[in-house]
């Protein structure tokens, strides 16, 4: 049945699976828990006109020609780049607890913008982080790992700091406290599900 896993004789809700198995995972270091996740999580609704992490020369031609010169390839790029059929909230509802984000920084009319990309540009990071917050607000027994990587066109520390401000503003208390943000080195990480809750 859609939205549930078979567990013994009962069903396990995909949206709340961590809470339902909390007794088994509460004190296990999180890096030992197998978390289902999605690759290029933000590549679910790519633009047919705005290029993301493609080479500068191609973005230049696209911008210069208002998309006319690149129109023959953008449809192919969208088809190639779209990795997900659901938005972030939907992926989490279907059990994903690890989200993989490629981050692109652009300056548009003097303002920094952050969005995801996989070839073509995707949704803004504020939109995606708000979906993460909505899911966590509705499912307080769940933990999400957000992996931000491939920082395209982050040219100075200010770009990173502004991105961190957006994360803190959107996610607020859902972010792990600094004391718990410790990475596993050589398999020795200790942060647990219980601590993150």
C-alpha atoms as a PDB file:
ATOM      1  CA  UNK A   1       0.000   0.000   0.000  1.00  0.00           C
ATOM      2  CA  UNK A   2       1.262   3.457  -0.879  1.00  0.00           C
ATOM      3  CA  UNK A   3       2.526   5.495   2.073  1.00  0.00           C
ATOM      4  CA  UNK A   4       3.280   2.556   4.353  1.00  0.00           C
ATOM      5  CA  UNK A   5       5.908  -0.155   4.781  1.00  0.00           C
ATOM      6  CA  UNK A   6       5.110  -3.631   5.986  1.00  0.00           C
ATOM      7  CA  UNK A   7       6.495  -4.098   9.510  1.00  0.00           C
ATOM      8  CA  UNK A   8       5.744  -7.404  11.149  1.00  0.00           C
ATOM      9  CA  UNK A   9       1.971  -7.541  11.224  1.00  0.00           C
ATOM     10  CA  UNK A  10       1.448  -3.797  11.226  1.00  0.00           C
ATOM     11  CA  UNK A  11       2.178  -0.965   8.884  1.00  0.00           C
ATOM     12  CA  UNK A  12       4.902   1.660   9.172  1.00  0.00           C
ATOM     13  CA  UNK A  13       3.958   5.165   8.039  1.00  0.00           C
ATOM     14  CA  UNK A  14       6.467   6.585   5.560  1.00  0.00           C
ATOM     15  CA  UNK A  15       5.858  10.117   6.845  1.00  0.00           C
ATOM     16  CA  UNK A  16       6.510   9.171  10.492  1.00  0.00           C
ATOM     17  CA  UNK A  17       8.729   6.107  10.258  1.00  0.00           C
ATOM     18  CA  UNK A  18      11.492   7.396  12.540  1.00  0.00           C
ATOM     19  CA  UNK A  19       9.057   8.052  15.366  1.00  0.00           C
ATOM     20  CA  UNK A  20       7.563   4.608  14.903  1.00  0.00           C
ATOM     21  CA  UNK A  21      10.951   2.888  15.235  1.00  0.00           C
ATOM     22  CA  UNK A  22      12.289   5.339  17.853  1.00  0.00           C
ATOM     23  CA  UNK A  23      12.849   2.612  20.461  1.00  0.00           C
ATOM     24  CA  UNK A  24      15.214   0.823  18.082  1.00  0.00           C
ATOM     25  CA  UNK A  25      17.187   3.879  16.894  1.00  0.00           C
ATOM     26  CA  UNK A  26      17.022   6.354  19.807  1.00  0.00           C
ATOM     27  CA  UNK A  27      20.562   5.846  21.101  1.00  0.00           C
ATOM     28  CA  UNK A  28      22.282   4.533  17.977  1.00  0.00           C
ATOM     29  CA  UNK A  29      24.809   6.964  16.454  1.00  0.00           C
ATOM     30  CA  UNK A  30      22.903   8.456  13.528  1.00  0.00           C
ATOM     31  CA  UNK A  31      25.584   7.536  11.001  1.00  0.00           C
ATOM     32  CA  UNK A  32      24.801   3.881  11.792  1.00  0.00           C
ATOM     33  CA  UNK A  33      21.105   4.300  10.924  1.00  0.00           C
ATOM     34  CA  UNK A  34      20.325   3.671   7.244  1.00  0.00           C
ATOM     35  CA  UNK A  35      18.445   6.732   6.146  1.00  0.00           C
ATOM     36  CA  UNK A  36      16.579   6.704   2.841  1.00  0.00           C
ATOM     37  CA  UNK A  37      17.352   9.782   0.828  1.00  0.00           C
ATOM     38  CA  UNK A  38      17.103  11.424  -2.544  1.00  0.00           C
ATOM     39  CA  UNK A  39      19.844  12.501  -4.932  1.00  0.00           C
ATOM     40  CA  UNK A  40      19.637  16.048  -6.332  1.00  0.00           C
ATOM     41  CA  UNK A  41      16.602  16.535  -4.119  1.00  0.00           C
ATOM     42  CA  UNK A  42      15.902  20.043  -5.425  1.00  0.00           C
ATOM     43  CA  UNK A  43      15.811  18.976  -9.091  1.00  0.00           C
ATOM     44  CA  UNK A  44      12.033  18.497  -9.273  1.00  0.00           C
ATOM     45  CA  UNK A  45      10.716  21.548 -11.119  1.00  0.00           C
ATOM     46  CA  UNK A  46      13.471  22.895 -13.325  1.00  0.00           C
ATOM     47  CA  UNK A  47      13.156  26.072 -15.352  1.00  0.00           C
ATOM     48  CA  UNK A  48      13.007  25.799 -19.131  1.00  0.00           C
ATOM     49  CA  UNK A  49      14.652  29.241 -19.450  1.00  0.00           C
ATOM     50  CA  UNK A  50      16.944  29.953 -16.491  1.00  0.00           C
ATOM     51  CA  UNK A  51      20.251  28.111 -16.474  1.00  0.00           C
ATOM     52  CA  UNK A  52      21.784  27.061 -13.190  1.00  0.00           C
ATOM     53  CA  UNK A  53      25.152  25.358 -12.846  1.00  0.00           C
ATOM     54  CA  UNK A  54      25.984  25.195 -16.552  1.00  0.00           C
ATOM     55  CA  UNK A  55      29.185  26.777 -17.952  1.00  0.00           C
ATOM     56  CA  UNK A  56      29.409  30.584 -17.980  1.00  0.00           C
ATOM     57  CA  UNK A  57      29.709  30.775 -21.784  1.00  0.00           C
ATOM     58  CA  UNK A  58      26.420  28.896 -22.225  1.00  0.00           C
ATOM     59  CA  UNK A  59      24.654  30.980 -19.582  1.00  0.00           C
ATOM     60  CA  UNK A  60      25.979  34.081 -21.381  1.00  0.00           C
ATOM     61  CA  UNK A  61      24.532  33.006 -24.734  1.00  0.00           C
ATOM     62  CA  UNK A  62      21.241  32.170 -23.019  1.00  0.00           C
ATOM     63  CA  UNK A  63      21.104  35.573 -21.332  1.00  0.00           C
ATOM     64  CA  UNK A  64      22.259  37.545 -24.385  1.00  0.00           C
ATOM     65  CA  UNK A  65      19.686  35.908 -26.668  1.00  0.00           C
ATOM     66  CA  UNK A  66      16.872  35.898 -24.055  1.00  0.00           C
ATOM     67  CA  UNK A  67      16.807  32.113 -24.395  1.00  0.00           C
ATOM     68  CA  UNK A  68      16.211  32.053 -28.160  1.00  0.00           C
ATOM     69  CA  UNK A  69      19.627  30.660 -29.127  1.00  0.00           C
ATOM     70  CA  UNK A  70      19.535  27.961 -26.429  1.00  0.00           C
ATOM     71  CA  UNK A  71      15.869  26.970 -26.785  1.00  0.00           C
ATOM     72  CA  UNK A  72      16.713  23.822 -28.825  1.00  0.00           C
ATOM     73  CA  UNK A  73      18.709  22.350 -25.924  1.00  0.00           C
ATOM     74  CA  UNK A  74      16.904  23.600 -22.813  1.00  0.00           C
ATOM     75  CA  UNK A  75      14.128  21.011 -23.086  1.00  0.00           C
ATOM     76  CA  UNK A  76      16.750  18.283 -23.257  1.00  0.00           C
ATOM     77  CA  UNK A  77      18.571  19.805 -20.281  1.00  0.00           C
ATOM     78  CA  UNK A  78      15.387  19.858 -18.204  1.00  0.00           C
ATOM     79  CA  UNK A  79      14.656  16.226 -19.082  1.00  0.00           C
ATOM     80  CA  UNK A  80      18.212  15.199 -18.232  1.00  0.00           C
ATOM     81  CA  UNK A  81      18.419  17.296 -15.066  1.00  0.00           C
ATOM     82  CA  UNK A  82      15.114  16.535 -13.399  1.00  0.00           C
ATOM     83  CA  UNK A  83      15.969  13.933 -10.788  1.00  0.00           C
ATOM     84  CA  UNK A  84      12.795  13.984  -8.677  1.00  0.00           C
ATOM     85  CA  UNK A  85       9.085  13.824  -9.385  1.00  0.00           C
ATOM     86  CA  UNK A  86       8.083  15.229  -5.998  1.00  0.00           C
ATOM     87  CA  UNK A  87       8.887  18.488  -4.255  1.00  0.00           C
ATOM     88  CA  UNK A  88      10.848  18.459  -0.981  1.00  0.00           C
ATOM     89  CA  UNK A  89       7.756  18.095   1.194  1.00  0.00           C
ATOM     90  CA  UNK A  90       6.536  15.172  -0.929  1.00  0.00           C
ATOM     91  CA  UNK A  91       9.916  13.433  -0.778  1.00  0.00           C
ATOM     92  CA  UNK A  92       9.853  13.690   3.024  1.00  0.00           C
ATOM     93  CA  UNK A  93       6.239  12.446   3.142  1.00  0.00           C
ATOM     94  CA  UNK A  94       7.423   9.402   1.182  1.00  0.00           C
ATOM     95  CA  UNK A  95      10.160   8.583   3.712  1.00  0.00           C
ATOM     96  CA  UNK A  96      13.278  10.453   2.564  1.00  0.00           C
ATOM     97  CA  UNK A  97      15.362  11.623   5.530  1.00  0.00           C
ATOM     98  CA  UNK A  98      18.522  12.615   3.661  1.00  0.00           C
ATOM     99  CA  UNK A  99      18.244  15.496   1.197  1.00  0.00           C
ATOM    100  CA  UNK A 100      21.011  16.328  -1.286  1.00  0.00           C
ATOM    101  CA  UNK A 101      21.112  19.957  -2.460  1.00  0.00           C
ATOM    102  CA  UNK A 102      23.297  21.659  -5.057  1.00  0.00           C
ATOM    103  CA  UNK A 103      23.418  25.357  -4.257  1.00  0.00           C
ATOM    104  CA  UNK A 104      23.805  28.178  -6.788  1.00  0.00           C
ATOM    105  CA  UNK A 105      24.341  31.833  -5.902  1.00  0.00           C
ATOM    106  CA  UNK A 106      23.420  34.557  -8.387  1.00  0.00           C
ATOM    107  CA  UNK A 107      23.113  38.304  -8.182  1.00  0.00           C
ATOM    108  CA  UNK A 108      19.966  39.579  -9.885  1.00  0.00           C
ATOM    109  CA  UNK A 109      19.305  43.329  -9.924  1.00  0.00           C
ATOM    110  CA  UNK A 110      21.880  43.753  -7.167  1.00  0.00           C
ATOM    111  CA  UNK A 111      20.289  41.146  -4.870  1.00  0.00           C
ATOM    112  CA  UNK A 112      21.768  37.762  -3.919  1.00  0.00           C
ATOM    113  CA  UNK A 113      19.581  34.815  -4.864  1.00  0.00           C
ATOM    114  CA  UNK A 114      20.090  31.185  -3.878  1.00  0.00           C
ATOM    115  CA  UNK A 115      18.506  28.304  -5.702  1.00  0.00           C
ATOM    116  CA  UNK A 116      19.065  24.701  -6.585  1.00  0.00           C
ATOM    117  CA  UNK A 117      20.184  23.499  -9.981  1.00  0.00           C
ATOM    118  CA  UNK A 118      20.946  20.400 -11.955  1.00  0.00           C
ATOM    119  CA  UNK A 119      21.822  21.918 -15.290  1.00  0.00           C
ATOM    120  CA  UNK A 120      18.821  24.228 -15.366  1.00  0.00           C
ATOM    121  CA  UNK A 121      17.750  26.309 -12.362  1.00  0.00           C
ATOM    122  CA  UNK A 122      15.294  24.935  -9.862  1.00  0.00           C
ATOM    123  CA  UNK A 123      13.367  26.290  -6.901  1.00  0.00           C
ATOM    124  CA  UNK A 124      14.676  28.953  -4.561  1.00  0.00           C
ATOM    125  CA  UNK A 125      16.281  27.747  -1.363  1.00  0.00           C
ATOM    126  CA  UNK A 126      13.825  29.693   0.748  1.00  0.00           C
ATOM    127  CA  UNK A 127      10.981  27.776  -0.897  1.00  0.00           C
ATOM    128  CA  UNK A 128      12.679  24.418  -0.281  1.00  0.00           C
ATOM    129  CA  UNK A 129      13.731  25.206   3.289  1.00  0.00           C
ATOM    130  CA  UNK A 130      10.181  26.329   4.049  1.00  0.00           C
ATOM    131  CA  UNK A 131       9.000  22.901   2.848  1.00  0.00           C
ATOM    132  CA  UNK A 132      11.546  21.271   5.186  1.00  0.00           C
ATOM    133  CA  UNK A 133      10.258  23.407   8.072  1.00  0.00           C
ATOM    134  CA  UNK A 134       6.621  22.591   7.252  1.00  0.00           C
ATOM    135  CA  UNK A 135       7.374  18.874   7.238  1.00  0.00           C
ATOM    136  CA  UNK A 136       9.262  19.033  10.547  1.00  0.00           C
ATOM    137  CA  UNK A 137       6.512  21.155  12.136  1.00  0.00           C
ATOM    138  CA  UNK A 138       3.925  18.545  11.131  1.00  0.00           C
ATOM    139  CA  UNK A 139       6.116  15.526  12.017  1.00  0.00           C
ATOM    140  CA  UNK A 140       7.989  16.337  15.242  1.00  0.00           C
ATOM    141  CA  UNK A 141       9.395  12.790  15.631  1.00  0.00           C
ATOM    142  CA  UNK A 142      11.333  12.988  12.363  1.00  0.00           C
ATOM    143  CA  UNK A 143      14.920  14.096  11.701  1.00  0.00           C
ATOM    144  CA  UNK A 144      16.152  15.335   8.317  1.00  0.00           C
ATOM    145  CA  UNK A 145      19.762  15.530   7.177  1.00  0.00           C
ATOM    146  CA  UNK A 146      20.247  18.308   4.615  1.00  0.00           C
ATOM    147  CA  UNK A 147      23.499  18.039   2.661  1.00  0.00           C
ATOM    148  CA  UNK A 148      24.322  21.327   0.945  1.00  0.00           C
ATOM    149  CA  UNK A 149      27.081  20.882  -1.624  1.00  0.00           C
ATOM    150  CA  UNK A 150      28.375  21.992  -5.028  1.00  0.00           C
ATOM    151  CA  UNK A 151      28.391  25.659  -3.983  1.00  0.00           C
ATOM    152  CA  UNK A 152      28.336  27.290  -7.441  1.00  0.00           C
ATOM    153  CA  UNK A 153      29.344  30.947  -7.768  1.00  0.00           C
ATOM    154  CA  UNK A 154      29.924  31.514  -4.050  1.00  0.00           C
ATOM    155  CA  UNK A 155      32.723  34.004  -4.597  1.00  0.00           C
ATOM    156  CA  UNK A 156      33.283  35.349  -1.094  1.00  0.00           C
ATOM    157  CA  UNK A 157      32.552  34.669   2.567  1.00  0.00           C
ATOM    158  CA  UNK A 158      29.586  37.073   2.446  1.00  0.00           C
ATOM    159  CA  UNK A 159      27.768  34.753   0.010  1.00  0.00           C
ATOM    160  CA  UNK A 160      28.159  31.845   2.447  1.00  0.00           C
ATOM    161  CA  UNK A 161      27.105  33.962   5.440  1.00  0.00           C
ATOM    162  CA  UNK A 162      23.971  35.185   3.655  1.00  0.00           C
ATOM    163  CA  UNK A 163      23.096  31.569   2.803  1.00  0.00           C
ATOM    164  CA  UNK A 164      23.538  30.597   6.473  1.00  0.00           C
ATOM    165  CA  UNK A 165      21.249  33.483   7.455  1.00  0.00           C
ATOM    166  CA  UNK A 166      18.561  32.136   5.100  1.00  0.00           C
ATOM    167  CA  UNK A 167      18.933  28.659   6.616  1.00  0.00           C
ATOM    168  CA  UNK A 168      18.629  29.977  10.169  1.00  0.00           C
ATOM    169  CA  UNK A 169      15.686  32.211   9.297  1.00  0.00           C
ATOM    170  CA  UNK A 170      13.775  29.439   7.504  1.00  0.00           C
ATOM    171  CA  UNK A 171      14.601  26.492   9.770  1.00  0.00           C
ATOM    172  CA  UNK A 172      15.023  28.226  13.139  1.00  0.00           C
ATOM    173  CA  UNK A 173      14.874  25.801  16.044  1.00  0.00           C
ATOM    174  CA  UNK A 174      14.781  22.832  13.652  1.00  0.00           C
ATOM    175  CA  UNK A 175      18.520  23.216  13.069  1.00  0.00           C
ATOM    176  CA  UNK A 176      20.732  21.055  15.236  1.00  0.00           C
ATOM    177  CA  UNK A 177      22.392  23.059  18.027  1.00  0.00           C
ATOM    178  CA  UNK A 178      26.027  23.841  17.308  1.00  0.00           C
ATOM    179  CA  UNK A 179      27.150  21.494  20.095  1.00  0.00           C
ATOM    180  CA  UNK A 180      25.534  18.567  18.226  1.00  0.00           C
ATOM    181  CA  UNK A 181      26.903  19.443  14.788  1.00  0.00           C
ATOM    182  CA  UNK A 182      29.847  17.109  15.009  1.00  0.00           C
ATOM    183  CA  UNK A 183      30.887  15.015  12.075  1.00  0.00           C
ATOM    184  CA  UNK A 184      31.865  11.392  12.192  1.00  0.00           C
ATOM    185  CA  UNK A 185      35.582  10.932  11.744  1.00  0.00           C
ATOM    186  CA  UNK A 186      36.593   7.383  11.059  1.00  0.00           C
ATOM    187  CA  UNK A 187      33.156   6.103  12.077  1.00  0.00           C
ATOM    188  CA  UNK A 188      33.420   7.602  15.573  1.00  0.00           C
ATOM    189  CA  UNK A 189      30.494  10.065  15.391  1.00  0.00           C
ATOM    190  CA  UNK A 190      28.190   9.961  18.359  1.00  0.00           C
ATOM    191  CA  UNK A 191      25.160  12.192  17.691  1.00  0.00           C
ATOM    192  CA  UNK A 192      21.945  10.199  18.097  1.00  0.00           C
ATOM    193  CA  UNK A 193      18.316  10.498  17.075  1.00  0.00           C
ATOM    194  CA  UNK A 194      17.354  11.132  20.720  1.00  0.00           C
ATOM    195  CA  UNK A 195      19.821  14.051  20.982  1.00  0.00           C
ATOM    196  CA  UNK A 196      18.549  15.633  17.787  1.00  0.00           C
ATOM    197  CA  UNK A 197      14.946  15.475  18.949  1.00  0.00           C
END
